[in-house]
Amino acid sequence: MEKKKYYVNIGTQEISHIPYGGNAEFVIQANDEEITLLRLKFDEIHDADLSTYVRAHIPFTPYHNDPQNDAYDEGIKGVYQMIYELADEETKAAMDKYNIGKEN
């Protein structure tokens, strides 16, 4: 399957063929299946984010004992790792510089 260039912004969860505004946070080369998987990962983060919002209104649950926050954290790690694997050389070099996206 042919890979195409995409611009990705994690904060806004944008995946676009066209760079505009702040959406070019990361540049990746991906095929349709990989983009679908990345979109699913963004959807999982969104769902986990909503769960953490609800949980945040329960003040007696500490962060370190909170499965909603754990799910969100794991989702973010998965997105960064996938972006690292699909990144173009310039993006990968920038991610290496800040130790972002590599498996621990």
PDB file of N, CA and C in Angstrom:
ATOM      1  N   MET A   1       0.829  -1.181   0.000  1.00  0.00           N
ATOM      2  CA  MET A   1       0.000   0.000   0.000  1.00  0.00           C
ATOM      3  C   MET A   1       0.877   1.250   0.000  1.00  0.00           C
ATOM      4  N   GLU A   2       0.483   2.236  -0.765  1.00  0.00           N
ATOM      5  CA  GLU A   2       1.251   3.461  -0.917  1.00  0.00           C
ATOM      6  C   GLU A   2       1.192   4.332   0.334  1.00  0.00           C
ATOM      7  N   LYS A   3       2.359   4.835   0.721  1.00  0.00           N
ATOM      8  CA  LYS A   3       2.429   5.734   1.871  1.00  0.00           C
ATOM      9  C   LYS A   3       2.348   7.170   1.388  1.00  0.00           C
ATOM     10  N   LYS A   4       1.660   7.996   2.169  1.00  0.00           N
ATOM     11  CA  LYS A   4       1.498   9.409   1.856  1.00  0.00           C
ATOM     12  C   LYS A   4       1.970  10.233   3.043  1.00  0.00           C
ATOM     13  N   LYS A   5       2.250  11.489   2.781  1.00  0.00           N
ATOM     14  CA  LYS A   5       2.692  12.397   3.831  1.00  0.00           C
ATOM     15  C   LYS A   5       1.473  12.940   4.578  1.00  0.00           C
ATOM     16  N   TYR A   6       1.572  12.919   5.913  1.00  0.00           N
ATOM     17  CA  TYR A   6       0.525  13.469   6.772  1.00  0.00           C
ATOM     18  C   TYR A   6       1.166  14.367   7.815  1.00  0.00           C
ATOM     19  N   TYR A   7       0.395  15.343   8.244  1.00  0.00           N
ATOM     20  CA  TYR A   7       0.792  16.255   9.306  1.00  0.00           C
ATOM     21  C   TYR A   7      -0.088  15.951  10.513  1.00  0.00           C
ATOM     22  N   VAL A   8       0.545  15.767  11.660  1.00  0.00           N
ATOM     23  CA  VAL A   8      -0.181  15.319  12.849  1.00  0.00           C
ATOM     24  C   VAL A   8       0.056  16.284  14.000  1.00  0.00           C
ATOM     25  N   ASN A   9      -1.029  16.612  14.696  1.00  0.00           N
ATOM     26  CA  ASN A   9      -0.959  17.398  15.922  1.00  0.00           C
ATOM     27  C   ASN A   9      -1.638  16.591  17.017  1.00  0.00           C
ATOM     28  N   ILE A  10      -0.905  16.227  18.032  1.00  0.00           N
ATOM     29  CA  ILE A  10      -1.450  15.389  19.093  1.00  0.00           C
ATOM     30  C   ILE A  10      -2.445  16.162  19.958  1.00  0.00           C
ATOM     31  N   GLY A  11      -2.154  17.415  20.266  1.00  0.00           N
ATOM     32  CA  GLY A  11      -3.035  18.205  21.123  1.00  0.00           C
ATOM     33  C   GLY A  11      -4.432  18.356  20.560  1.00  0.00           C
ATOM     34  N   THR A  12      -4.525  18.582  19.264  1.00  0.00           N
ATOM     35  CA  THR A  12      -5.833  18.739  18.621  1.00  0.00           C
ATOM     36  C   THR A  12      -6.312  17.450  17.974  1.00  0.00           C
ATOM     37  N   GLN A  13      -5.467  16.431  17.979  1.00  0.00           N
ATOM     38  CA  GLN A  13      -5.733  15.124  17.382  1.00  0.00           C
ATOM     39  C   GLN A  13      -6.048  15.222  15.887  1.00  0.00           C
ATOM     40  N   GLU A  14      -5.347  16.136  15.220  1.00  0.00           N
ATOM     41  CA  GLU A  14      -5.521  16.320  13.776  1.00  0.00           C
ATOM     42  C   GLU A  14      -4.563  15.430  12.998  1.00  0.00           C
ATOM     43  N   ILE A  15      -5.058  14.903  11.897  1.00  0.00           N
ATOM     44  CA  ILE A  15      -4.255  14.185  10.914  1.00  0.00           C
ATOM     45  C   ILE A  15      -4.663  14.764   9.568  1.00  0.00           C
ATOM     46  N   SER A  16      -3.721  15.407   8.863  1.00  0.00           N
ATOM     47  CA  SER A  16      -4.085  16.112   7.636  1.00  0.00           C
ATOM     48  C   SER A  16      -3.030  15.934   6.554  1.00  0.00           C
ATOM     49  N   HIS A  17      -3.468  16.024   5.305  1.00  0.00           N
ATOM     50  CA  HIS A  17      -2.537  16.035   4.170  1.00  0.00           C
ATOM     51  C   HIS A  17      -1.944  17.431   3.970  1.00  0.00           C
ATOM     52  N   ILE A  18      -2.605  18.443   4.491  1.00  0.00           N
ATOM     53  CA  ILE A  18      -2.233  19.830   4.238  1.00  0.00           C
ATOM     54  C   ILE A  18      -1.733  20.483   5.523  1.00  0.00           C
ATOM     55  N   PRO A  19      -0.530  21.066   5.488  1.00  0.00           N
ATOM     56  CA  PRO A  19      -0.050  21.773   6.684  1.00  0.00           C
ATOM     57  C   PRO A  19      -0.723  23.138   6.799  1.00  0.00           C
ATOM     58  N   TYR A  20      -1.338  23.391   7.927  1.00  0.00           N
ATOM     59  CA  TYR A  20      -1.928  24.709   8.178  1.00  0.00           C
ATOM     60  C   TYR A  20      -2.009  24.921   9.676  1.00  0.00           C
ATOM     61  N   GLY A  21      -1.944  26.185  10.056  1.00  0.00           N
ATOM     62  CA  GLY A  21      -1.982  26.494  11.484  1.00  0.00           C
ATOM     63  C   GLY A  21      -0.887  25.748  12.220  1.00  0.00           C
ATOM     64  N   GLY A  22      -1.258  25.094  13.305  1.00  0.00           N
ATOM     65  CA  GLY A  22      -0.288  24.355  14.102  1.00  0.00           C
ATOM     66  C   GLY A  22      -0.386  22.856  13.939  1.00  0.00           C
ATOM     67  N   ASN A  23      -0.942  22.395  12.823  1.00  0.00           N
ATOM     68  CA  ASN A  23      -1.160  20.962  12.688  1.00  0.00           C
ATOM     69  C   ASN A  23       0.092  20.187  12.285  1.00  0.00           C
ATOM     70  N   ALA A  24       1.178  20.863  11.958  1.00  0.00           N
ATOM     71  CA  ALA A  24       2.382  20.172  11.478  1.00  0.00           C
ATOM     72  C   ALA A  24       3.365  19.902  12.611  1.00  0.00           C
ATOM     73  N   GLU A  25       2.841  19.538  13.772  1.00  0.00           N
ATOM     74  CA  GLU A  25       3.685  19.221  14.913  1.00  0.00           C
ATOM     75  C   GLU A  25       4.607  18.045  14.594  1.00  0.00           C
ATOM     76  N   PHE A  26       4.050  17.040  13.899  1.00  0.00           N
ATOM     77  CA  PHE A  26       4.803  15.866  13.471  1.00  0.00           C
ATOM     78  C   PHE A  26       4.475  15.579  12.006  1.00  0.00           C
ATOM     79  N   VAL A  27       5.488  15.136  11.250  1.00  0.00           N
ATOM     80  CA  VAL A  27       5.283  14.767   9.854  1.00  0.00           C
ATOM     81  C   VAL A  27       5.555  13.271   9.749  1.00  0.00           C
ATOM     82  N   ILE A  28       4.580  12.555   9.199  1.00  0.00           N
ATOM     83  CA  ILE A  28       4.709  11.102   9.077  1.00  0.00           C
ATOM     84  C   ILE A  28       4.452  10.667   7.636  1.00  0.00           C
ATOM     85  N   GLN A  29       4.878   9.460   7.326  1.00  0.00           N
ATOM     86  CA  GLN A  29       4.574   8.788   6.062  1.00  0.00           C
ATOM     87  C   GLN A  29       3.778   7.545   6.436  1.00  0.00           C
ATOM     88  N   ALA A  30       2.527   7.465   5.970  1.00  0.00           N
ATOM     89  CA  ALA A  30       1.677   6.349   6.373  1.00  0.00           C
ATOM     90  C   ALA A  30       0.730   5.946   5.257  1.00  0.00           C
ATOM     91  N   ASN A  31       0.301   4.684   5.308  1.00  0.00           N
ATOM     92  CA  ASN A  31      -0.713   4.213   4.375  1.00  0.00           C
ATOM     93  C   ASN A  31      -2.090   4.341   5.048  1.00  0.00           C
ATOM     94  N   ASP A  32      -3.133   3.996   4.318  1.00  0.00           N
ATOM     95  CA  ASP A  32      -4.491   4.157   4.835  1.00  0.00           C
ATOM     96  C   ASP A  32      -4.732   3.340   6.106  1.00  0.00           C
ATOM     97  N   GLU A  33      -4.221   2.126   6.152  1.00  0.00           N
ATOM     98  CA  GLU A  33      -4.401   1.281   7.339  1.00  0.00           C
ATOM     99  C   GLU A  33      -3.729   1.883   8.559  1.00  0.00           C
ATOM    100  N   GLU A  34      -2.533   2.422   8.382  1.00  0.00           N
ATOM    101  CA  GLU A  34      -1.810   3.023   9.502  1.00  0.00           C
ATOM    102  C   GLU A  34      -2.529   4.279  10.006  1.00  0.00           C
ATOM    103  N   ILE A  35      -3.091   5.052   9.091  1.00  0.00           N
ATOM    104  CA  ILE A  35      -3.840   6.247   9.492  1.00  0.00           C
ATOM    105  C   ILE A  35      -5.100   5.841  10.251  1.00  0.00           C
ATOM    106  N   THR A  36      -5.752   4.790   9.809  1.00  0.00           N
ATOM    107  CA  THR A  36      -6.933   4.296  10.525  1.00  0.00           C
ATOM    108  C   THR A  36      -6.554   3.868  11.940  1.00  0.00           C
ATOM    109  N   LEU A  37      -5.445   3.177  12.084  1.00  0.00           N
ATOM    110  CA  LEU A  37      -4.979   2.753  13.407  1.00  0.00           C
ATOM    111  C   LEU A  37      -4.630   3.958  14.281  1.00  0.00           C
ATOM    112  N   LEU A  38      -3.963   4.951  13.701  1.00  0.00           N
ATOM    113  CA  LEU A  38      -3.634   6.154  14.461  1.00  0.00           C
ATOM    114  C   LEU A  38      -4.901   6.879  14.903  1.00  0.00           C
ATOM    115  N   ARG A  39      -5.893   6.955  14.028  1.00  0.00           N
ATOM    116  CA  ARG A  39      -7.171   7.578  14.374  1.00  0.00           C
ATOM    117  C   ARG A  39      -7.845   6.825  15.524  1.00  0.00           C
ATOM    118  N   LEU A  40      -7.780   5.491  15.495  1.00  0.00           N
ATOM    119  CA  LEU A  40      -8.343   4.687  16.594  1.00  0.00           C
ATOM    120  C   LEU A  40      -7.633   4.974  17.908  1.00  0.00           C
ATOM    121  N   LYS A  41      -6.311   5.132  17.837  1.00  0.00           N
ATOM    122  CA  LYS A  41      -5.556   5.479  19.052  1.00  0.00           C
ATOM    123  C   LYS A  41      -5.979   6.846  19.574  1.00  0.00           C
ATOM    124  N   PHE A  42      -6.190   7.814  18.674  1.00  0.00           N
ATOM    125  CA  PHE A  42      -6.678   9.119  19.104  1.00  0.00           C
ATOM    126  C   PHE A  42      -8.064   9.001  19.741  1.00  0.00           C
ATOM    127  N   ASP A  43      -8.920   8.163  19.171  1.00  0.00           N
ATOM    128  CA  ASP A  43     -10.260   7.962  19.736  1.00  0.00           C
ATOM    129  C   ASP A  43     -10.174   7.370  21.140  1.00  0.00           C
ATOM    130  N   GLU A  44      -9.257   6.429  21.347  1.00  0.00           N
ATOM    131  CA  GLU A  44      -9.068   5.829  22.670  1.00  0.00           C
ATOM    132  C   GLU A  44      -8.596   6.876  23.675  1.00  0.00           C
ATOM    133  N   ILE A  45      -7.691   7.750  23.240  1.00  0.00           N
ATOM    134  CA  ILE A  45      -7.223   8.829  24.126  1.00  0.00           C
ATOM    135  C   ILE A  45      -8.382   9.752  24.481  1.00  0.00           C
ATOM    136  N   HIS A  46      -9.189  10.082  23.504  1.00  0.00           N
ATOM    137  CA  HIS A  46     -10.335  10.954  23.744  1.00  0.00           C
ATOM    138  C   HIS A  46     -11.283  10.328  24.773  1.00  0.00           C
ATOM    139  N   ASP A  47     -11.573   9.049  24.611  1.00  0.00           N
ATOM    140  CA  ASP A  47     -12.447   8.354  25.557  1.00  0.00           C
ATOM    141  C   ASP A  47     -11.833   8.332  26.956  1.00  0.00           C
ATOM    142  N   ALA A  48     -10.542   8.048  27.038  1.00  0.00           N
ATOM    143  CA  ALA A  48      -9.863   8.027  28.334  1.00  0.00           C
ATOM    144  C   ALA A  48      -9.845   9.419  28.958  1.00  0.00           C
ATOM    145  N   ASP A  49      -9.687  10.436  28.119  1.00  0.00           N
ATOM    146  CA  ASP A  49      -9.687  11.814  28.606  1.00  0.00           C
ATOM    147  C   ASP A  49     -11.033  12.168  29.238  1.00  0.00           C
ATOM    148  N   LEU A  50     -12.109  11.751  28.607  1.00  0.00           N
ATOM    149  CA  LEU A  50     -13.440  11.985  29.181  1.00  0.00           C
ATOM    150  C   LEU A  50     -13.584  11.271  30.521  1.00  0.00           C
ATOM    151  N   SER A  51     -13.058  10.066  30.622  1.00  0.00           N
ATOM    152  CA  SER A  51     -13.118   9.318  31.879  1.00  0.00           C
ATOM    153  C   SER A  51     -12.327  10.012  32.978  1.00  0.00           C
ATOM    154  N   THR A  52     -11.175  10.583  32.627  1.00  0.00           N
ATOM    155  CA  THR A  52     -10.382  11.283  33.640  1.00  0.00           C
ATOM    156  C   THR A  52     -11.085  12.549  34.097  1.00  0.00           C
ATOM    157  N   TYR A  53     -11.825  13.188  33.197  1.00  0.00           N
ATOM    158  CA  TYR A  53     -12.587  14.380  33.569  1.00  0.00           C
ATOM    159  C   TYR A  53     -13.649  14.023  34.609  1.00  0.00           C
ATOM    160  N   VAL A  54     -14.365  12.950  34.354  1.00  0.00           N
ATOM    161  CA  VAL A  54     -15.394  12.519  35.307  1.00  0.00           C
ATOM    162  C   VAL A  54     -14.743  12.137  36.630  1.00  0.00           C
ATOM    163  N   ARG A  55     -13.659  11.365  36.553  1.00  0.00           N
ATOM    164  CA  ARG A  55     -12.960  10.922  37.764  1.00  0.00           C
ATOM    165  C   ARG A  55     -12.388  12.096  38.551  1.00  0.00           C
ATOM    166  N   ALA A  56     -12.012  13.162  37.883  1.00  0.00           N
ATOM    167  CA  ALA A  56     -11.414  14.317  38.558  1.00  0.00           C
ATOM    168  C   ALA A  56     -12.377  14.961  39.549  1.00  0.00           C
ATOM    169  N   HIS A  57     -13.642  14.705  39.392  1.00  0.00           N
ATOM    170  CA  HIS A  57     -14.629  15.280  40.303  1.00  0.00           C
ATOM    171  C   HIS A  57     -14.881  14.402  41.524  1.00  0.00           C
ATOM    172  N   ILE A  58     -14.077  13.364  41.658  1.00  0.00           N
ATOM    173  CA  ILE A  58     -14.114  12.505  42.842  1.00  0.00           C
ATOM    174  C   ILE A  58     -12.794  12.743  43.576  1.00  0.00           C
ATOM    175  N   PRO A  59     -12.768  13.674  44.517  1.00  0.00           N
ATOM    176  CA  PRO A  59     -11.509  14.161  45.084  1.00  0.00           C
ATOM    177  C   PRO A  59     -10.721  13.158  45.923  1.00  0.00           C
ATOM    178  N   PHE A  60     -11.320  12.086  46.361  1.00  0.00           N
ATOM    179  CA  PHE A  60     -10.592  11.182  47.253  1.00  0.00           C
ATOM    180  C   PHE A  60      -9.830  10.082  46.528  1.00  0.00           C
ATOM    181  N   THR A  61      -9.851  10.067  45.203  1.00  0.00           N
ATOM    182  CA  THR A  61      -9.100   9.065  44.442  1.00  0.00           C
ATOM    183  C   THR A  61      -7.749   9.651  44.030  1.00  0.00           C
ATOM    184  N   PRO A  62      -6.649   9.127  44.584  1.00  0.00           N
ATOM    185  CA  PRO A  62      -5.329   9.655  44.220  1.00  0.00           C
ATOM    186  C   PRO A  62      -4.944   9.291  42.790  1.00  0.00           C
ATOM    187  N   TYR A  63      -4.139  10.155  42.168  1.00  0.00           N
ATOM    188  CA  TYR A  63      -3.729   9.964  40.772  1.00  0.00           C
ATOM    189  C   TYR A  63      -3.021   8.634  40.569  1.00  0.00           C
ATOM    190  N   HIS A  64      -2.159   8.265  41.494  1.00  0.00           N
ATOM    191  CA  HIS A  64      -1.357   7.053  41.307  1.00  0.00           C
ATOM    192  C   HIS A  64      -2.189   5.770  41.429  1.00  0.00           C
ATOM    193  N   ASN A  65      -3.435   5.872  41.867  1.00  0.00           N
ATOM    194  CA  ASN A  65      -4.307   4.708  41.989  1.00  0.00           C
ATOM    195  C   ASN A  65      -5.571   4.940  41.168  1.00  0.00           C
ATOM    196  N   ASP A  66      -5.368   5.282  39.893  1.00  0.00           N
ATOM    197  CA  ASP A  66      -6.480   5.709  39.063  1.00  0.00           C
ATOM    198  C   ASP A  66      -6.391   5.073  37.678  1.00  0.00           C
ATOM    199  N   PRO A  67      -7.191   4.045  37.398  1.00  0.00           N
ATOM    200  CA  PRO A  67      -7.093   3.358  36.104  1.00  0.00           C
ATOM    201  C   PRO A  67      -7.435   4.246  34.907  1.00  0.00           C
ATOM    202  N   GLN A  68      -8.278   5.265  35.096  1.00  0.00           N
ATOM    203  CA  GLN A  68      -8.607   6.167  33.993  1.00  0.00           C
ATOM    204  C   GLN A  68      -7.375   6.943  33.544  1.00  0.00           C
ATOM    205  N   ASN A  69      -6.608   7.440  34.500  1.00  0.00           N
ATOM    206  CA  ASN A  69      -5.378   8.161  34.156  1.00  0.00           C
ATOM    207  C   ASN A  69      -4.345   7.217  33.561  1.00  0.00           C
ATOM    208  N   ASP A  70      -4.288   5.984  34.062  1.00  0.00           N
ATOM    209  CA  ASP A  70      -3.366   4.997  33.492  1.00  0.00           C
ATOM    210  C   ASP A  70      -3.701   4.719  32.029  1.00  0.00           C
ATOM    211  N   ALA A  71      -4.999   4.592  31.719  1.00  0.00           N
ATOM    212  CA  ALA A  71      -5.424   4.350  30.335  1.00  0.00           C
ATOM    213  C   ALA A  71      -5.050   5.523  29.443  1.00  0.00           C
ATOM    214  N   TYR A  72      -5.235   6.740  29.940  1.00  0.00           N
ATOM    215  CA  TYR A  72      -4.876   7.931  29.170  1.00  0.00           C
ATOM    216  C   TYR A  72      -3.362   7.958  28.920  1.00  0.00           C
ATOM    217  N   ASP A  73      -2.588   7.717  29.977  1.00  0.00           N
ATOM    218  CA  ASP A  73      -1.126   7.731  29.849  1.00  0.00           C
ATOM    219  C   ASP A  73      -0.643   6.686  28.843  1.00  0.00           C
ATOM    220  N   GLU A  74      -1.190   5.492  28.902  1.00  0.00           N
ATOM    221  CA  GLU A  74      -0.811   4.434  27.968  1.00  0.00           C
ATOM    222  C   GLU A  74      -1.209   4.798  26.539  1.00  0.00           C
ATOM    223  N   GLY A  75      -2.362   5.424  26.393  1.00  0.00           N
ATOM    224  CA  GLY A  75      -2.807   5.853  25.066  1.00  0.00           C
ATOM    225  C   GLY A  75      -1.866   6.878  24.456  1.00  0.00           C
ATOM    226  N   ILE A  76      -1.470   7.852  25.255  1.00  0.00           N
ATOM    227  CA  ILE A  76      -0.537   8.883  24.771  1.00  0.00           C
ATOM    228  C   ILE A  76       0.798   8.250  24.377  1.00  0.00           C
ATOM    229  N   LYS A  77       1.293   7.345  25.207  1.00  0.00           N
ATOM    230  CA  LYS A  77       2.552   6.661  24.877  1.00  0.00           C
ATOM    231  C   LYS A  77       2.430   5.908  23.553  1.00  0.00           C
ATOM    232  N   GLY A  78       1.296   5.239  23.356  1.00  0.00           N
ATOM    233  CA  GLY A  78       1.078   4.487  22.120  1.00  0.00           C
ATOM    234  C   GLY A  78       1.042   5.379  20.890  1.00  0.00           C
ATOM    235  N   VAL A  79       0.421   6.547  21.021  1.00  0.00           N
ATOM    236  CA  VAL A  79       0.368   7.492  19.899  1.00  0.00           C
ATOM    237  C   VAL A  79       1.768   7.994  19.564  1.00  0.00           C
ATOM    238  N   TYR A  80       2.524   8.403  20.587  1.00  0.00           N
ATOM    239  CA  TYR A  80       3.888   8.889  20.337  1.00  0.00           C
ATOM    240  C   TYR A  80       4.750   7.792  19.713  1.00  0.00           C
ATOM    241  N   GLN A  81       4.602   6.568  20.198  1.00  0.00           N
ATOM    242  CA  GLN A  81       5.393   5.472  19.645  1.00  0.00           C
ATOM    243  C   GLN A  81       5.033   5.227  18.183  1.00  0.00           C
ATOM    244  N   MET A  82       3.744   5.246  17.861  1.00  0.00           N
ATOM    245  CA  MET A  82       3.330   5.024  16.468  1.00  0.00           C
ATOM    246  C   MET A  82       3.822   6.158  15.569  1.00  0.00           C
ATOM    247  N   ILE A  83       3.726   7.390  16.046  1.00  0.00           N
ATOM    248  CA  ILE A  83       4.216   8.526  15.266  1.00  0.00           C
ATOM    249  C   ILE A  83       5.718   8.395  15.040  1.00  0.00           C
ATOM    250  N   TYR A  84       6.445   7.969  16.067  1.00  0.00           N
ATOM    251  CA  TYR A  84       7.887   7.781  15.918  1.00  0.00           C
ATOM    252  C   TYR A  84       8.187   6.751  14.828  1.00  0.00           C
ATOM    253  N   GLU A  85       7.445   5.648  14.833  1.00  0.00           N
ATOM    254  CA  GLU A  85       7.667   4.594  13.841  1.00  0.00           C
ATOM    255  C   GLU A  85       7.359   5.068  12.419  1.00  0.00           C
ATOM    256  N   LEU A  86       6.406   5.985  12.265  1.00  0.00           N
ATOM    257  CA  LEU A  86       5.991   6.467  10.944  1.00  0.00           C
ATOM    258  C   LEU A  86       6.663   7.783  10.543  1.00  0.00           C
ATOM    259  N   ALA A  87       7.403   8.375  11.441  1.00  0.00           N
ATOM    260  CA  ALA A  87       7.954   9.716  11.231  1.00  0.00           C
ATOM    261  C   ALA A  87       8.931   9.780  10.069  1.00  0.00           C
ATOM    262  N   ASP A  88       8.954  10.954   9.411  1.00  0.00           N
ATOM    263  CA  ASP A  88       9.993  11.184   8.410  1.00  0.00           C
ATOM    264  C   ASP A  88      11.301  11.431   9.152  1.00  0.00           C
ATOM    265  N   GLU A  89      12.388  11.538   8.426  1.00  0.00           N
ATOM    266  CA  GLU A  89      13.712  11.643   9.061  1.00  0.00           C
ATOM    267  C   GLU A  89      13.851  12.875   9.949  1.00  0.00           C
ATOM    268  N   GLU A  90      13.345  14.005   9.504  1.00  0.00           N
ATOM    269  CA  GLU A  90      13.457  15.240  10.288  1.00  0.00           C
ATOM    270  C   GLU A  90      12.659  15.136  11.591  1.00  0.00           C
ATOM    271  N   THR A  91      11.465  14.618  11.504  1.00  0.00           N
ATOM    272  CA  THR A  91      10.624  14.452  12.694  1.00  0.00           C
ATOM    273  C   THR A  91      11.245  13.447  13.657  1.00  0.00           C
ATOM    274  N   LYS A  92      11.749  12.341  13.101  1.00  0.00           N
ATOM    275  CA  LYS A  92      12.364  11.320  13.948  1.00  0.00           C
ATOM    276  C   LYS A  92      13.594  11.875  14.666  1.00  0.00           C
ATOM    277  N   ALA A  93      14.386  12.697  13.970  1.00  0.00           N
ATOM    278  CA  ALA A  93      15.570  13.300  14.597  1.00  0.00           C
ATOM    279  C   ALA A  93      15.158  14.224  15.744  1.00  0.00           C
ATOM    280  N   ALA A  94      14.103  15.010  15.540  1.00  0.00           N
ATOM    281  CA  ALA A  94      13.620  15.900  16.596  1.00  0.00           C
ATOM    282  C   ALA A  94      13.093  15.090  17.780  1.00  0.00           C
ATOM    283  N   MET A  95      12.397  14.000  17.491  1.00  0.00           N
ATOM    284  CA  MET A  95      11.882  13.160  18.567  1.00  0.00           C
ATOM    285  C   MET A  95      13.020  12.473  19.317  1.00  0.00           C
ATOM    286  N   ASP A  96      14.061  12.059  18.596  1.00  0.00           N
ATOM    287  CA  ASP A  96      15.236  11.469  19.239  1.00  0.00           C
ATOM    288  C   ASP A  96      15.900  12.468  20.175  1.00  0.00           C
ATOM    289  N   LYS A  97      15.982  13.708  19.729  1.00  0.00           N
ATOM    290  CA  LYS A  97      16.624  14.755  20.524  1.00  0.00           C
ATOM    291  C   LYS A  97      15.964  14.887  21.896  1.00  0.00           C
ATOM    292  N   TYR A  98      14.657  14.748  21.939  1.00  0.00           N
ATOM    293  CA  TYR A  98      13.919  14.906  23.189  1.00  0.00           C
ATOM    294  C   TYR A  98      13.465  13.570  23.777  1.00  0.00           C
ATOM    295  N   ASN A  99      13.960  12.471  23.201  1.00  0.00           N
ATOM    296  CA  ASN A  99      13.645  11.118  23.687  1.00  0.00           C
ATOM    297  C   ASN A  99      12.138  10.882  23.749  1.00  0.00           C
ATOM    298  N   ILE A 100      11.468  11.190  22.653  1.00  0.00           N
ATOM    299  CA  ILE A 100      10.011  11.041  22.556  1.00  0.00           C
ATOM    300  C   ILE A 100       9.695   9.874  21.635  1.00  0.00           C
ATOM    301  N   GLY A 101       8.806   8.993  22.074  1.00  0.00           N
ATOM    302  CA  GLY A 101       8.253   7.973  21.203  1.00  0.00           C
ATOM    303  C   GLY A 101       8.970   6.647  21.159  1.00  0.00           C
ATOM    304  N   LYS A 102      10.154   6.571  21.701  1.00  0.00           N
ATOM    305  CA  LYS A 102      10.857   5.296  21.688  1.00  0.00           C
ATOM    306  C   LYS A 102      10.296   4.399  22.779  1.00  0.00           C
ATOM    307  N   GLU A 103      10.299   3.099  22.476  1.00  0.00           N
ATOM    308  CA  GLU A 103       9.855   2.143  23.492  1.00  0.00           C
ATOM    309  C   GLU A 103      10.829   2.172  24.661  1.00  0.00           C
ATOM    310  N   ASN A 104      10.274   2.057  25.859  1.00  0.00           N
ATOM    311  CA  ASN A 104      11.137   2.055  27.058  1.00  0.00           C
ATOM    312  C   ASN A 104      11.524   0.655  27.427  1.00  0.00           C
TER     313      ASN A 104
END
